[in-house]
Protein backbone atom coordinates (compact mmCIF):
# COMPACT_ATOMS: atom_id res chain seq x y z
CA MET A 1 -4.75 3.79 15.53
CA ARG A 2 -2.46 5.23 12.88
CA PHE A 3 -3.23 4.81 9.21
CA LYS A 4 -0.98 5.14 6.19
CA ASP A 5 -2.75 7.56 3.87
CA PHE A 6 -1.42 8.09 0.36
CA SER A 7 -3.37 10.75 -1.50
CA SER A 8 -2.76 12.66 -4.67
CA PRO A 9 -1.75 16.31 -4.36
CA LYS A 10 -3.68 19.01 -6.23
CA VAL A 11 -0.77 19.65 -8.63
CA SER A 12 1.69 16.95 -9.71
CA PRO A 13 3.90 15.89 -12.63
CA LYS A 14 2.49 13.43 -15.18
CA VAL A 15 3.19 10.42 -12.94
CA THR A 16 4.09 10.46 -9.27
CA PHE A 17 5.51 7.63 -7.16
CA PHE A 18 5.68 7.14 -3.42
CA LYS A 19 7.89 4.28 -2.21
CA GLN A 20 8.15 3.00 1.34
CA ILE A 21 9.77 0.03 3.09
CA ILE A 22 7.91 -1.03 6.23
CA ARG A 23 9.76 -3.14 8.82
CA THR A 24 8.97 -4.87 12.07
CA GLN A 25 11.23 -6.91 14.33
CA PRO A 26 12.93 -9.92 12.68
CA GLY A 27 10.89 -13.08 13.20
CA ARG A 28 7.57 -11.25 12.90
CA ARG A 29 5.35 -10.81 9.86
CA LEU A 30 3.44 -7.79 8.59
CA VAL A 31 -0.22 -7.56 7.57
CA VAL A 32 -1.76 -4.77 5.45
CA HIS A 33 -5.45 -4.11 6.26
CA TYR A 34 -7.09 -2.02 3.53
CA GLN A 35 -9.53 0.57 4.93
CA SER A 36 -10.68 2.59 1.91
CA ILE A 37 -9.72 2.91 -1.74
CA ALA A 38 -11.06 5.55 -4.13
CA GLY A 39 -10.15 7.28 -7.39
CA GLU A 40 -8.74 6.23 -10.72
CA LYS A 41 -5.45 6.01 -12.62
CA PHE A 42 -3.47 4.70 -9.64
CA GLU A 43 -1.65 1.54 -8.61
CA LEU A 44 -0.53 0.24 -5.22
CA HIS A 45 2.06 -2.54 -5.36
CA VAL A 46 2.75 -4.48 -2.15
CA HIS A 47 5.84 -6.73 -2.23
CA ASP A 48 6.98 -9.37 0.26
CA GLY A 49 10.45 -8.04 1.04
CA ASN A 50 12.41 -4.80 0.78
CA THR A 51 12.67 -4.28 -3.01
CA ILE A 52 10.47 -4.02 -6.07
CA ASN A 53 11.97 -7.36 -7.17
CA ALA A 54 10.48 -9.21 -4.19
CA THR A 55 7.39 -11.38 -4.64
CA LYS A 56 4.31 -9.26 -5.37
CA LEU A 57 1.58 -9.82 -2.78
CA THR A 58 -1.01 -7.34 -4.05
CA LEU A 59 -1.66 -5.00 -6.93
CA LEU A 60 -4.53 -2.60 -6.35
CA ASN A 61 -5.85 -0.18 -8.94
CA GLU A 62 -9.17 1.32 -9.99
CA TRP A 63 -10.32 -2.06 -11.36
CA THR A 64 -9.21 -4.31 -8.50
CA GLY A 65 -9.78 -2.27 -5.36
CA VAL A 66 -12.19 0.64 -5.60
CA TYR A 67 -15.47 -0.02 -3.73
CA GLN A 68 -14.55 -3.68 -3.21
CA ALA A 69 -13.55 -5.74 -0.21
CA VAL A 70 -9.81 -6.41 -0.44
CA THR A 71 -8.19 -9.35 1.35
CA PRO A 72 -5.41 -8.27 3.74
CA SER A 73 -1.85 -8.82 2.45
CA SER A 74 0.49 -10.83 4.73
CA SER A 75 4.26 -10.92 4.44
CA SER A 76 6.39 -14.02 4.96
CA SER A 77 9.13 -11.95 6.61
CA HIS A 78 9.53 -8.74 8.62
CA GLU A 79 9.59 -6.35 5.62
CA LEU A 80 7.16 -5.01 3.02
CA TYR A 81 7.91 -2.79 0.03
CA LEU A 82 5.07 -0.47 -1.00
CA LYS A 83 4.88 1.58 -4.17
CA PHE A 84 1.96 3.93 -4.88
CA ARG A 85 1.80 5.40 -8.39
CA PHE A 86 -0.76 7.81 -9.76
CA SER A 87 -1.31 9.95 -12.82
CA ALA A 88 -1.66 13.72 -12.74
CA SER A 89 -5.00 13.24 -14.45
CA SER A 90 -6.25 10.99 -11.64
CA LYS A 91 -9.38 12.09 -9.86
CA ASP A 92 -8.31 12.24 -6.23
CA ALA A 93 -6.66 8.81 -6.02
CA ARG A 94 -6.84 7.89 -2.35
CA LEU A 95 -5.89 4.79 -0.35
CA LYS A 96 -6.06 4.30 3.38
CA PHE A 97 -4.69 1.22 5.10
CA LEU A 98 -3.33 0.01 8.42
CA ILE A 99 -0.18 -2.11 8.74
CA THR A 100 0.28 -4.30 11.80
CA ASP A 101 2.70 -7.04 12.73
CA ASP A 102 1.44 -10.57 13.46
CA GLN A 103 1.11 -9.67 17.15
CA GLY A 104 -1.31 -6.82 16.39
CA ARG A 105 1.20 -3.99 16.89
CA ILE A 106 0.92 -1.06 14.49
CA ALA A 107 3.98 -1.08 12.24
CA LEU A 108 4.02 2.55 11.02
């Protein structure tokens, strides 16, 4: 299994962003399975589509995801837009998740 692992580097500017569009074959849907979430001063936005303007499926941060069970996010189409943002003062912000299509194939 391959996991998407966004983690904060040791040295960073005040705020750092990672953006990623995940795609599968047209006609299929994507599902994000959250494995572990730790840290503070971070946000993970998951959107149903290929832009930040698409419908937001999930917003995870230190209040909504750390040490909690998080329901998987499912797309309505074959694309997801992910944005991970963290502050330089974050204490090792770390998210690990697996993205599959609706047929169980790993999408990364």
